[in-house]
Amino acid sequence: EVSLFLFDDAGMYPNGVRLNIIPSYGRVYPQQLVVKGEEPGIVKLVSK
């Protein structure tokens, strides 16, 4: 499980940041997600 946290020094968070995640090996779910405010985005990675 990988957590992606959005930080803003002034507390003025963007309306939404779209993230594309590309692993060097394996598969990641989901490959795209939107992070808003202080709530982190969560992706899961598996590999053989």
ModelCIF file with pLDDT and N, C-alpha, C, O atoms, coordinates in Angstrom:
data_MODEL
#
_entry.id   MODEL 
#
_entity.id                         1 
_entity.type                       polymer 
_entity.pdbx_number_of_molecules   1 
#
_entity_poly.entity_id                      1 
_entity_poly.type                           'polypeptide(L)' 
_entity_poly.nstd_linkage                   no 
_entity_poly.nstd_monomer                   no 
_entity_poly.pdbx_seq_one_letter_code       EVSLFLFDDAGMYPNGVRLNIIPSYGRVYPQQLVVKGEEPGIVKLVSK 
_entity_poly.pdbx_seq_one_letter_code_can   EVSLFLFDDAGMYPNGVRLNIIPSYGRVYPQQLVVKGEEPGIVKLVSK 
_entity_poly.pdbx_strand_id                 A 
#
loop_
_entity_poly_seq.entity_id 
_entity_poly_seq.num 
_entity_poly_seq.mon_id 
_entity_poly_seq.hetero 
1 1  GLU n 
1 2  VAL n 
1 3  SER n 
1 4  LEU n 
1 5  PHE n 
1 6  LEU n 
1 7  PHE n 
1 8  ASP n 
1 9  ASP n 
1 10 ALA n 
1 11 GLY n 
1 12 MET n 
1 13 TYR n 
1 14 PRO n 
1 15 ASN n 
1 16 GLY n 
1 17 VAL n 
1 18 ARG n 
1 19 LEU n 
1 20 ASN n 
1 21 ILE n 
1 22 ILE n 
1 23 PRO n 
1 24 SER n 
1 25 TYR n 
1 26 GLY n 
1 27 ARG n 
1 28 VAL n 
1 29 TYR n 
1 30 PRO n 
1 31 GLN n 
1 32 GLN n 
1 33 LEU n 
1 34 VAL n 
1 35 VAL n 
1 36 LYS n 
1 37 GLY n 
1 38 GLU n 
1 39 GLU n 
1 40 PRO n 
1 41 GLY n 
1 42 ILE n 
1 43 VAL n 
1 44 LYS n 
1 45 LEU n 
1 46 VAL n 
1 47 SER n 
1 48 LYS n 
#
_struct_asym.id          A 
_struct_asym.entity_id   1 
#
loop_
_ma_qa_metric.id 
_ma_qa_metric.mode 
_ma_qa_metric.name 
_ma_qa_metric.software_group_id 
_ma_qa_metric.type 
1 global pLDDT . pLDDT 
2 local  pLDDT . pLDDT 
#
_ma_qa_metric_global.metric_id      1 
_ma_qa_metric_global.metric_value   87.00 
_ma_qa_metric_global.model_id       1 
_ma_qa_metric_global.ordinal_id     1 
#
loop_
_ma_qa_metric_local.label_asym_id 
_ma_qa_metric_local.label_comp_id 
_ma_qa_metric_local.label_seq_id 
_ma_qa_metric_local.metric_id 
_ma_qa_metric_local.metric_value 
_ma_qa_metric_local.model_id 
_ma_qa_metric_local.ordinal_id 
A GLU 1  2 93.00 1 1  
A VAL 2  2 94.00 1 2  
A SER 3  2 93.00 1 3  
A LEU 4  2 92.00 1 4  
A PHE 5  2 91.00 1 5  
A LEU 6  2 88.00 1 6  
A PHE 7  2 85.00 1 7  
A ASP 8  2 80.00 1 8  
A ASP 9  2 72.00 1 9  
A ALA 10 2 66.00 1 10 
A GLY 11 2 65.00 1 11 
A MET 12 2 67.00 1 12 
A TYR 13 2 71.00 1 13 
A PRO 14 2 72.00 1 14 
A ASN 15 2 77.00 1 15 
A GLY 16 2 81.00 1 16 
A VAL 17 2 89.00 1 17 
A ARG 18 2 90.00 1 18 
A LEU 19 2 92.00 1 19 
A ASN 20 2 92.00 1 20 
A ILE 21 2 93.00 1 21 
A ILE 22 2 92.00 1 22 
A PRO 23 2 93.00 1 23 
A SER 24 2 93.00 1 24 
A TYR 25 2 92.00 1 25 
A GLY 26 2 92.00 1 26 
A ARG 27 2 92.00 1 27 
A VAL 28 2 92.00 1 28 
A TYR 29 2 89.00 1 29 
A PRO 30 2 90.00 1 30 
A GLN 31 2 89.00 1 31 
A GLN 32 2 90.00 1 32 
A LEU 33 2 89.00 1 33 
A VAL 34 2 90.00 1 34 
A VAL 35 2 89.00 1 35 
A LYS 36 2 84.00 1 36 
A GLY 37 2 81.00 1 37 
A GLU 38 2 82.00 1 38 
A GLU 39 2 86.00 1 39 
A PRO 40 2 89.00 1 40 
A GLY 41 2 90.00 1 41 
A ILE 42 2 92.00 1 42 
A VAL 43 2 93.00 1 43 
A LYS 44 2 93.00 1 44 
A LEU 45 2 94.00 1 45 
A VAL 46 2 93.00 1 46 
A SER 47 2 93.00 1 47 
A LYS 48 2 91.00 1 48 
#
loop_
_atom_site.group_PDB 
_atom_site.id 
_atom_site.type_symbol 
_atom_site.label_atom_id 
_atom_site.label_alt_id 
_atom_site.label_comp_id 
_atom_site.label_asym_id 
_atom_site.label_entity_id 
_atom_site.label_seq_id 
_atom_site.pdbx_PDB_ins_code 
_atom_site.Cartn_x 
_atom_site.Cartn_y 
_atom_site.Cartn_z 
_atom_site.occupancy 
_atom_site.B_iso_or_equiv 
_atom_site.pdbx_formal_charge 
_atom_site.auth_seq_id 
_atom_site.auth_comp_id 
_atom_site.auth_asym_id 
_atom_site.auth_atom_id 
_atom_site.pdbx_PDB_model_num 
ATOM 1   N N  . GLU A 1 1  ? 0.844  -1.196  0.000   1.00 93.00 ? 1  GLU A N  1 
ATOM 2   C CA . GLU A 1 1  ? 0.000  0.000   0.000   1.00 93.00 ? 1  GLU A CA 1 
ATOM 3   C C  . GLU A 1 1  ? 0.877  1.243   0.000   1.00 93.00 ? 1  GLU A C  1 
ATOM 4   O O  . GLU A 1 1  ? 1.764  1.384   0.842   1.00 93.00 ? 1  GLU A O  1 
ATOM 5   N N  . VAL A 1 2  ? 0.630  2.140   -0.942  1.00 94.00 ? 2  VAL A N  1 
ATOM 6   C CA . VAL A 1 2  ? 1.387  3.379   -1.081  1.00 94.00 ? 2  VAL A CA 1 
ATOM 7   C C  . VAL A 1 2  ? 0.425  4.546   -0.872  1.00 94.00 ? 2  VAL A C  1 
ATOM 8   O O  . VAL A 1 2  ? -0.635 4.615   -1.494  1.00 94.00 ? 2  VAL A O  1 
ATOM 9   N N  . SER A 1 3  ? 0.817  5.465   0.020   1.00 93.00 ? 3  SER A N  1 
ATOM 10  C CA . SER A 1 3  ? -0.018 6.633   0.323   1.00 93.00 ? 3  SER A CA 1 
ATOM 11  C C  . SER A 1 3  ? 0.618  7.875   -0.291  1.00 93.00 ? 3  SER A C  1 
ATOM 12  O O  . SER A 1 3  ? 1.822  8.096   -0.159  1.00 93.00 ? 3  SER A O  1 
ATOM 13  N N  . LEU A 1 4  ? -0.196 8.682   -0.960  1.00 92.00 ? 4  LEU A N  1 
ATOM 14  C CA . LEU A 1 4  ? 0.285  9.904   -1.603  1.00 92.00 ? 4  LEU A CA 1 
ATOM 15  C C  . LEU A 1 4  ? -0.393 11.091  -0.933  1.00 92.00 ? 4  LEU A C  1 
ATOM 16  O O  . LEU A 1 4  ? -1.598 11.295  -1.079  1.00 92.00 ? 4  LEU A O  1 
ATOM 17  N N  . PHE A 1 5  ? 0.401  11.876  -0.191  1.00 91.00 ? 5  PHE A N  1 
ATOM 18  C CA . PHE A 1 5  ? -0.111 13.007  0.568   1.00 91.00 ? 5  PHE A CA 1 
ATOM 19  C C  . PHE A 1 5  ? 0.158  14.304  -0.192  1.00 91.00 ? 5  PHE A C  1 
ATOM 20  O O  . PHE A 1 5  ? 1.242  14.505  -0.740  1.00 91.00 ? 5  PHE A O  1 
ATOM 21  N N  . LEU A 1 6  ? -0.836 15.169  -0.215  1.00 88.00 ? 6  LEU A N  1 
ATOM 22  C CA . LEU A 1 6  ? -0.723 16.488  -0.825  1.00 88.00 ? 6  LEU A CA 1 
ATOM 23  C C  . LEU A 1 6  ? -0.500 17.504  0.293   1.00 88.00 ? 6  LEU A C  1 
ATOM 24  O O  . LEU A 1 6  ? -1.291 17.583  1.232   1.00 88.00 ? 6  LEU A O  1 
ATOM 25  N N  . PHE A 1 7  ? 0.586  18.286  0.188   1.00 85.00 ? 7  PHE A N  1 
ATOM 26  C CA . PHE A 1 7  ? 0.896  19.312  1.183   1.00 85.00 ? 7  PHE A CA 1 
ATOM 27  C C  . PHE A 1 7  ? 0.851  20.685  0.521   1.00 85.00 ? 7  PHE A C  1 
ATOM 28  O O  . PHE A 1 7  ? 1.132  20.839  -0.667  1.00 85.00 ? 7  PHE A O  1 
ATOM 29  N N  . ASP A 1 8  ? 0.491  21.668  1.325   1.00 80.00 ? 8  ASP A N  1 
ATOM 30  C CA . ASP A 1 8  ? 0.499  23.058  0.862   1.00 80.00 ? 8  ASP A CA 1 
ATOM 31  C C  . ASP A 1 8  ? 0.914  23.938  2.031   1.00 80.00 ? 8  ASP A C  1 
ATOM 32  O O  . ASP A 1 8  ? 0.262  23.937  3.075   1.00 80.00 ? 8  ASP A O  1 
ATOM 33  N N  . ASP A 1 9  ? 1.999  24.692  1.860   1.00 72.00 ? 9  ASP A N  1 
ATOM 34  C CA . ASP A 1 9  ? 2.545  25.482  2.965   1.00 72.00 ? 9  ASP A CA 1 
ATOM 35  C C  . ASP A 1 9  ? 1.555  26.502  3.487   1.00 72.00 ? 9  ASP A C  1 
ATOM 36  O O  . ASP A 1 9  ? 1.506  26.770  4.688   1.00 72.00 ? 9  ASP A O  1 
ATOM 37  N N  . ALA A 1 10 ? 0.764  27.072  2.589   1.00 66.00 ? 10 ALA A N  1 
ATOM 38  C CA . ALA A 1 10 ? -0.170 28.122  3.000   1.00 66.00 ? 10 ALA A CA 1 
ATOM 39  C C  . ALA A 1 10 ? -1.548 27.575  3.317   1.00 66.00 ? 10 ALA A C  1 
ATOM 40  O O  . ALA A 1 10 ? -2.444 28.333  3.690   1.00 66.00 ? 10 ALA A O  1 
ATOM 41  N N  . GLY A 1 11 ? -1.730 26.279  3.176   1.00 65.00 ? 11 GLY A N  1 
ATOM 42  C CA . GLY A 1 11 ? -3.048 25.706  3.441   1.00 65.00 ? 11 GLY A CA 1 
ATOM 43  C C  . GLY A 1 11 ? -4.038 25.941  2.326   1.00 65.00 ? 11 GLY A C  1 
ATOM 44  O O  . GLY A 1 11 ? -5.224 25.656  2.490   1.00 65.00 ? 11 GLY A O  1 
ATOM 45  N N  . MET A 1 12 ? -3.579 26.461  1.177   1.00 67.00 ? 12 MET A N  1 
ATOM 46  C CA . MET A 1 12 ? -4.461 26.711  0.025   1.00 67.00 ? 12 MET A CA 1 
ATOM 47  C C  . MET A 1 12 ? -4.322 25.534  -0.943  1.00 67.00 ? 12 MET A C  1 
ATOM 48  O O  . MET A 1 12 ? -3.560 25.607  -1.907  1.00 67.00 ? 12 MET A O  1 
ATOM 49  N N  . TYR A 1 13 ? -5.060 24.450  -0.686  1.00 71.00 ? 13 TYR A N  1 
ATOM 50  C CA . TYR A 1 13 ? -4.922 23.241  -1.477  1.00 71.00 ? 13 TYR A CA 1 
ATOM 51  C C  . TYR A 1 13 ? -5.593 23.402  -2.839  1.00 71.00 ? 13 TYR A C  1 
ATOM 52  O O  . TYR A 1 13 ? -6.650 24.026  -2.940  1.00 71.00 ? 13 TYR A O  1 
ATOM 53  N N  . PRO A 1 14 ? -4.986 22.846  -3.880  1.00 72.00 ? 14 PRO A N  1 
ATOM 54  C CA . PRO A 1 14 ? -5.640 22.873  -5.194  1.00 72.00 ? 14 PRO A CA 1 
ATOM 55  C C  . PRO A 1 14 ? -6.980 22.129  -5.146  1.00 72.00 ? 14 PRO A C  1 
ATOM 56  O O  . PRO A 1 14 ? -7.220 21.309  -4.260  1.00 72.00 ? 14 PRO A O  1 
ATOM 57  N N  . ASN A 1 15 ? -7.841 22.432  -6.112  1.00 77.00 ? 15 ASN A N  1 
ATOM 58  C CA . ASN A 1 15 ? -9.153 21.775  -6.156  1.00 77.00 ? 15 ASN A CA 1 
ATOM 59  C C  . ASN A 1 15 ? -9.032 20.272  -6.362  1.00 77.00 ? 15 ASN A C  1 
ATOM 60  O O  . ASN A 1 15 ? -9.875 19.505  -5.897  1.00 77.00 ? 15 ASN A O  1 
ATOM 61  N N  . GLY A 1 16 ? -8.019 19.867  -7.034  1.00 81.00 ? 16 GLY A N  1 
ATOM 62  C CA . GLY A 1 16 ? -7.821 18.440  -7.279  1.00 81.00 ? 16 GLY A CA 1 
ATOM 63  C C  . GLY A 1 16 ? -6.579 18.218  -8.117  1.00 81.00 ? 16 GLY A C  1 
ATOM 64  O O  . GLY A 1 16 ? -6.359 18.915  -9.108  1.00 81.00 ? 16 GLY A O  1 
ATOM 65  N N  . VAL A 1 17 ? -5.770 17.252  -7.725  1.00 89.00 ? 17 VAL A N  1 
ATOM 66  C CA . VAL A 1 17 ? -4.558 16.939  -8.460  1.00 89.00 ? 17 VAL A CA 1 
ATOM 67  C C  . VAL A 1 17 ? -4.685 15.519  -8.996  1.00 89.00 ? 17 VAL A C  1 
ATOM 68  O O  . VAL A 1 17 ? -4.856 14.572  -8.228  1.00 89.00 ? 17 VAL A O  1 
ATOM 69  N N  . ARG A 1 18 ? -4.600 15.373  -10.316 1.00 90.00 ? 18 ARG A N  1 
ATOM 70  C CA . ARG A 1 18 ? -4.669 14.048  -10.941 1.00 90.00 ? 18 ARG A CA 1 
ATOM 71  C C  . ARG A 1 18 ? -3.275 13.449  -10.996 1.00 90.00 ? 18 ARG A C  1 
ATOM 72  O O  . ARG A 1 18 ? -2.329 14.083  -11.462 1.00 90.00 ? 18 ARG A O  1 
ATOM 73  N N  . LEU A 1 19 ? -3.162 12.202  -10.507 1.00 92.00 ? 19 LEU A N  1 
ATOM 74  C CA . LEU A 1 19 ? -1.875 11.526  -10.456 1.00 92.00 ? 19 LEU A CA 1 
ATOM 75  C C  . LEU A 1 19 ? -1.898 10.280  -11.338 1.00 92.00 ? 19 LEU A C  1 
ATOM 76  O O  . LEU A 1 19 ? -2.815 9.463   -11.254 1.00 92.00 ? 19 LEU A O  1 
ATOM 77  N N  . ASN A 1 20 ? -0.887 10.148  -12.175 1.00 92.00 ? 20 ASN A N  1 
ATOM 78  C CA . ASN A 1 20 ? -0.663 8.922   -12.945 1.00 92.00 ? 20 ASN A CA 1 
ATOM 79  C C  . ASN A 1 20 ? 0.518  8.192   -12.319 1.00 92.00 ? 20 ASN A C  1 
ATOM 80  O O  . ASN A 1 20 ? 1.592  8.774   -12.165 1.00 92.00 ? 20 ASN A O  1 
ATOM 81  N N  . ILE A 1 21 ? 0.335  6.935   -11.960 1.00 93.00 ? 21 ILE A N  1 
ATOM 82  C CA . ILE A 1 21 ? 1.376  6.156   -11.290 1.00 93.00 ? 21 ILE A CA 1 
ATOM 83  C C  . ILE A 1 21 ? 1.859  5.059   -12.224 1.00 93.00 ? 21 ILE A C  1 
ATOM 84  O O  . ILE A 1 21 ? 1.067  4.241   -12.692 1.00 93.00 ? 21 ILE A O  1 
ATOM 85  N N  . ILE A 1 22 ? 3.165  5.043   -12.495 1.00 92.00 ? 22 ILE A N  1 
ATOM 86  C CA . ILE A 1 22 ? 3.755  4.063   -13.408 1.00 92.00 ? 22 ILE A CA 1 
ATOM 87  C C  . ILE A 1 22 ? 4.845  3.316   -12.641 1.00 92.00 ? 22 ILE A C  1 
ATOM 88  O O  . ILE A 1 22 ? 5.859  3.916   -12.286 1.00 92.00 ? 22 ILE A O  1 
ATOM 89  N N  . PRO A 1 23 ? 4.657  1.999   -12.373 1.00 93.00 ? 23 PRO A N  1 
ATOM 90  C CA . PRO A 1 23 ? 5.677  1.230   -11.653 1.00 93.00 ? 23 PRO A CA 1 
ATOM 91  C C  . PRO A 1 23 ? 6.743  0.688   -12.596 1.00 93.00 ? 23 PRO A C  1 
ATOM 92  O O  . PRO A 1 23 ? 6.471  0.423   -13.766 1.00 93.00 ? 23 PRO A O  1 
ATOM 93  N N  . SER A 1 24 ? 7.972  0.525   -12.071 1.00 93.00 ? 24 SER A N  1 
ATOM 94  C CA . SER A 1 24 ? 9.046  -0.050  -12.890 1.00 93.00 ? 24 SER A CA 1 
ATOM 95  C C  . SER A 1 24 ? 8.834  -1.547  -13.106 1.00 93.00 ? 24 SER A C  1 
ATOM 96  O O  . SER A 1 24 ? 9.280  -2.090  -14.116 1.00 93.00 ? 24 SER A O  1 
ATOM 97  N N  . TYR A 1 25 ? 8.154  -2.231  -12.165 1.00 92.00 ? 25 TYR A N  1 
ATOM 98  C CA . TYR A 1 25 ? 7.769  -3.634  -12.298 1.00 92.00 ? 25 TYR A CA 1 
ATOM 99  C C  . TYR A 1 25 ? 6.368  -3.779  -11.721 1.00 92.00 ? 25 TYR A C  1 
ATOM 100 O O  . TYR A 1 25 ? 5.904  -2.929  -10.961 1.00 92.00 ? 25 TYR A O  1 
ATOM 101 N N  . GLY A 1 26 ? 5.704  -4.868  -12.091 1.00 92.00 ? 26 GLY A N  1 
ATOM 102 C CA . GLY A 1 26 ? 4.428  -5.190  -11.470 1.00 92.00 ? 26 GLY A CA 1 
ATOM 103 C C  . GLY A 1 26 ? 3.266  -4.352  -11.974 1.00 92.00 ? 26 GLY A C  1 
ATOM 104 O O  . GLY A 1 26 ? 3.334  -3.711  -13.023 1.00 92.00 ? 26 GLY A O  1 
ATOM 105 N N  . ARG A 1 27 ? 2.185  -4.382  -11.180 1.00 92.00 ? 27 ARG A N  1 
ATOM 106 C CA . ARG A 1 27 ? 0.950  -3.680  -11.529 1.00 92.00 ? 27 ARG A CA 1 
ATOM 107 C C  . ARG A 1 27 ? 0.502  -2.839  -10.343 1.00 92.00 ? 27 ARG A C  1 
ATOM 108 O O  . ARG A 1 27 ? 0.669  -3.231  -9.188  1.00 92.00 ? 27 ARG A O  1 
ATOM 109 N N  . VAL A 1 28 ? -0.065 -1.682  -10.641 1.00 92.00 ? 28 VAL A N  1 
ATOM 110 C CA . VAL A 1 28 ? -0.554 -0.790  -9.599  1.00 92.00 ? 28 VAL A CA 1 
ATOM 111 C C  . VAL A 1 28 ? -2.048 -0.531  -9.839  1.00 92.00 ? 28 VAL A C  1 
ATOM 112 O O  . VAL A 1 28 ? -2.485 -0.360  -10.977 1.00 92.00 ? 28 VAL A O  1 
ATOM 113 N N  . TYR A 1 29 ? -2.823 -0.505  -8.740  1.00 89.00 ? 29 TYR A N  1 
ATOM 114 C CA . TYR A 1 29 ? -4.266 -0.283  -8.802  1.00 89.00 ? 29 TYR A CA 1 
ATOM 115 C C  . TYR A 1 29 ? -4.650 0.802   -7.809  1.00 89.00 ? 29 TYR A C  1 
ATOM 116 O O  . TYR A 1 29 ? -4.287 0.707   -6.636  1.00 89.00 ? 29 TYR A O  1 
ATOM 117 N N  . PRO A 1 30 ? -5.374 1.832   -8.240  1.00 90.00 ? 30 PRO A N  1 
ATOM 118 C CA . PRO A 1 30 ? -5.618 2.205   -9.634  1.00 90.00 ? 30 PRO A CA 1 
ATOM 119 C C  . PRO A 1 30 ? -4.385 2.883   -10.244 1.00 90.00 ? 30 PRO A C  1 
ATOM 120 O O  . PRO A 1 30 ? -3.493 3.322   -9.518  1.00 90.00 ? 30 PRO A O  1 
ATOM 121 N N  . GLN A 1 31 ? -4.341 2.964   -11.550 1.00 89.00 ? 31 GLN A N  1 
ATOM 122 C CA . GLN A 1 31 ? -3.212 3.611   -12.208 1.00 89.00 ? 31 GLN A CA 1 
ATOM 123 C C  . GLN A 1 31 ? -3.359 5.133   -12.195 1.00 89.00 ? 31 GLN A C  1 
ATOM 124 O O  . GLN A 1 31 ? -2.376 5.860   -12.338 1.00 89.00 ? 31 GLN A O  1 
ATOM 125 N N  . GLN A 1 32 ? -4.587 5.604   -12.023 1.00 90.00 ? 32 GLN A N  1 
ATOM 126 C CA . GLN A 1 32 ? -4.852 7.032   -11.946 1.00 90.00 ? 32 GLN A CA 1 
ATOM 127 C C  . GLN A 1 32 ? -5.762 7.300   -10.756 1.00 90.00 ? 32 GLN A C  1 
ATOM 128 O O  . GLN A 1 32 ? -6.636 6.495   -10.438 1.00 90.00 ? 32 GLN A O  1 
ATOM 129 N N  . LEU A 1 33 ? -5.547 8.440   -10.102 1.00 89.00 ? 33 LEU A N  1 
ATOM 130 C CA . LEU A 1 33 ? -6.437 8.859   -9.028  1.00 89.00 ? 33 LEU A CA 1 
ATOM 131 C C  . LEU A 1 33 ? -6.324 10.354  -8.846  1.00 89.00 ? 33 LEU A C  1 
ATOM 132 O O  . LEU A 1 33 ? -5.379 10.988  -9.314  1.00 89.00 ? 33 LEU A O  1 
ATOM 133 N N  . VAL A 1 34 ? -7.306 10.906  -8.155  1.00 90.00 ? 34 VAL A N  1 
ATOM 134 C CA . VAL A 1 34 ? -7.341 12.350  -7.899  1.00 90.00 ? 34 VAL A CA 1 
ATOM 135 C C  . VAL A 1 34 ? -7.206 12.560  -6.398  1.00 90.00 ? 34 VAL A C  1 
ATOM 136 O O  . VAL A 1 34 ? -7.929 11.950  -5.610  1.00 90.00 ? 34 VAL A O  1 
ATOM 137 N N  . VAL A 1 35 ? -6.267 13.433  -6.004  1.00 89.00 ? 35 VAL A N  1 
ATOM 138 C CA . VAL A 1 35 ? -6.047 13.763  -4.603  1.00 89.00 ? 35 VAL A CA 1 
ATOM 139 C C  . VAL A 1 35 ? -6.568 15.163  -4.353  1.00 89.00 ? 35 VAL A C  1 
ATOM 140 O O  . VAL A 1 35 ? -6.225 16.104  -5.070  1.00 89.00 ? 35 VAL A O  1 
ATOM 141 N N  . LYS A 1 36 ? -7.407 15.296  -3.320  1.00 84.00 ? 36 LYS A N  1 
ATOM 142 C CA . LYS A 1 36 ? -7.974 16.593  -2.958  1.00 84.00 ? 36 LYS A CA 1 
ATOM 143 C C  . LYS A 1 36 ? -7.705 16.871  -1.485  1.00 84.00 ? 36 LYS A C  1 
ATOM 144 O O  . LYS A 1 36 ? -7.853 15.989  -0.639  1.00 84.00 ? 36 LYS A O  1 
ATOM 145 N N  . GLY A 1 37 ? -7.306 18.110  -1.187  1.00 81.00 ? 37 GLY A N  1 
ATOM 146 C CA . GLY A 1 37 ? -7.143 18.523  0.198   1.00 81.00 ? 37 GLY A CA 1 
ATOM 147 C C  . GLY A 1 37 ? -6.121 17.665  0.933   1.00 81.00 ? 37 GLY A C  1 
ATOM 148 O O  . GLY A 1 37 ? -5.119 17.246  0.354   1.00 81.00 ? 37 GLY A O  1 
ATOM 149 N N  . GLU A 1 38 ? -6.385 17.405  2.222   1.00 82.00 ? 38 GLU A N  1 
ATOM 150 C CA . GLU A 1 38 ? -5.431 16.689  3.059   1.00 82.00 ? 38 GLU A CA 1 
ATOM 151 C C  . GLU A 1 38 ? -5.643 15.184  3.060   1.00 82.00 ? 38 GLU A C  1 
ATOM 152 O O  . GLU A 1 38 ? -4.815 14.449  3.599   1.00 82.00 ? 38 GLU A O  1 
ATOM 153 N N  . GLU A 1 39 ? -6.723 14.713  2.476   1.00 86.00 ? 39 GLU A N  1 
ATOM 154 C CA . GLU A 1 39 ? -6.983 13.273  2.407   1.00 86.00 ? 39 GLU A CA 1 
ATOM 155 C C  . GLU A 1 39 ? -6.041 12.638  1.392   1.00 86.00 ? 39 GLU A C  1 
ATOM 156 O O  . GLU A 1 39 ? -6.026 13.055  0.233   1.00 86.00 ? 39 GLU A O  1 
ATOM 157 N N  . PRO A 1 40 ? -5.238 11.621  1.801   1.00 89.00 ? 40 PRO A N  1 
ATOM 158 C CA . PRO A 1 40 ? -4.257 11.040  0.881   1.00 89.00 ? 40 PRO A CA 1 
ATOM 159 C C  . PRO A 1 40 ? -4.916 10.145  -0.166  1.00 89.00 ? 40 PRO A C  1 
ATOM 160 O O  . PRO A 1 40 ? -6.025 9.644   0.022   1.00 89.00 ? 40 PRO A O  1 
ATOM 161 N N  . GLY A 1 41 ? -4.206 9.964   -1.260  1.00 90.00 ? 41 GLY A N  1 
ATOM 162 C CA . GLY A 1 41 ? -4.598 8.968   -2.242  1.00 90.00 ? 41 GLY A CA 1 
ATOM 163 C C  . GLY A 1 41 ? -3.920 7.646   -1.936  1.00 90.00 ? 41 GLY A C  1 
ATOM 164 O O  . GLY A 1 41 ? -2.760 7.626   -1.524  1.00 90.00 ? 41 GLY A O  1 
ATOM 165 N N  . ILE A 1 42 ? -4.631 6.539   -2.131  1.00 92.00 ? 42 ILE A N  1 
ATOM 166 C CA . ILE A 1 42 ? -4.111 5.213   -1.794  1.00 92.00 ? 42 ILE A CA 1 
ATOM 167 C C  . ILE A 1 42 ? -4.052 4.371   -3.059  1.00 92.00 ? 42 ILE A C  1 
ATOM 168 O O  . ILE A 1 42 ? -5.040 4.270   -3.787  1.00 92.00 ? 42 ILE A O  1 
ATOM 169 N N  . VAL A 1 43 ? -2.899 3.766   -3.322  1.00 93.00 ? 43 VAL A N  1 
ATOM 170 C CA . VAL A 1 43 ? -2.773 2.810   -4.420  1.00 93.00 ? 43 VAL A CA 1 
ATOM 171 C C  . VAL A 1 43 ? -2.155 1.536   -3.865  1.00 93.00 ? 43 VAL A C  1 
ATOM 172 O O  . VAL A 1 43 ? -1.480 1.555   -2.836  1.00 93.00 ? 43 VAL A O  1 
ATOM 173 N N  . LYS A 1 44 ? -2.395 0.424   -4.561  1.00 93.00 ? 44 LYS A N  1 
ATOM 174 C CA . LYS A 1 44 ? -1.821 -0.856  -4.163  1.00 93.00 ? 44 LYS A CA 1 
ATOM 175 C C  . LYS A 1 44 ? -0.999 -1.423  -5.316  1.00 93.00 ? 44 LYS A C  1 
ATOM 176 O O  . LYS A 1 44 ? -1.353 -1.296  -6.488  1.00 93.00 ? 44 LYS A O  1 
ATOM 177 N N  . LEU A 1 45 ? 0.103  -2.049  -4.942  1.00 94.00 ? 45 LEU A N  1 
ATOM 178 C CA . LEU A 1 45 ? 1.064  -2.547  -5.920  1.00 94.00 ? 45 LEU A CA 1 
ATOM 179 C C  . LEU A 1 45 ? 1.329  -4.020  -5.679  1.00 94.00 ? 45 LEU A C  1 
ATOM 180 O O  . LEU A 1 45 ? 1.580  -4.433  -4.546  1.00 94.00 ? 45 LEU A O  1 
ATOM 181 N N  . VAL A 1 46 ? 1.273  -4.820  -6.747  1.00 93.00 ? 46 VAL A N  1 
ATOM 182 C CA . VAL A 1 46 ? 1.650  -6.226  -6.681  1.00 93.00 ? 46 VAL A CA 1 
ATOM 183 C C  . VAL A 1 46 ? 2.665  -6.510  -7.777  1.00 93.00 ? 46 VAL A C  1 
ATOM 184 O O  . VAL A 1 46 ? 2.702  -5.816  -8.793  1.00 93.00 ? 46 VAL A O  1 
ATOM 185 N N  . SER A 1 47 ? 3.488  -7.533  -7.568  1.00 93.00 ? 47 SER A N  1 
ATOM 186 C CA . SER A 1 47 ? 4.505  -7.871  -8.553  1.00 93.00 ? 47 SER A CA 1 
ATOM 187 C C  . SER A 1 47 ? 4.860  -9.343  -8.435  1.00 93.00 ? 47 SER A C  1 
ATOM 188 O O  . SER A 1 47 ? 4.734  -9.941  -7.367  1.00 93.00 ? 47 SER A O  1 
ATOM 189 N N  . LYS A 1 48 ? 5.307  -9.922  -9.546  1.00 91.00 ? 48 LYS A N  1 
ATOM 190 C CA . LYS A 1 48 ? 5.837  -11.283 -9.558  1.00 91.00 ? 48 LYS A CA 1 
ATOM 191 C C  . LYS A 1 48 ? 7.335  -11.288 -9.822  1.00 91.00 ? 48 LYS A C  1 
ATOM 192 O O  . LYS A 1 48 ? 7.950  -12.354 -9.866  1.00 91.00 ? 48 LYS A O  1 
#
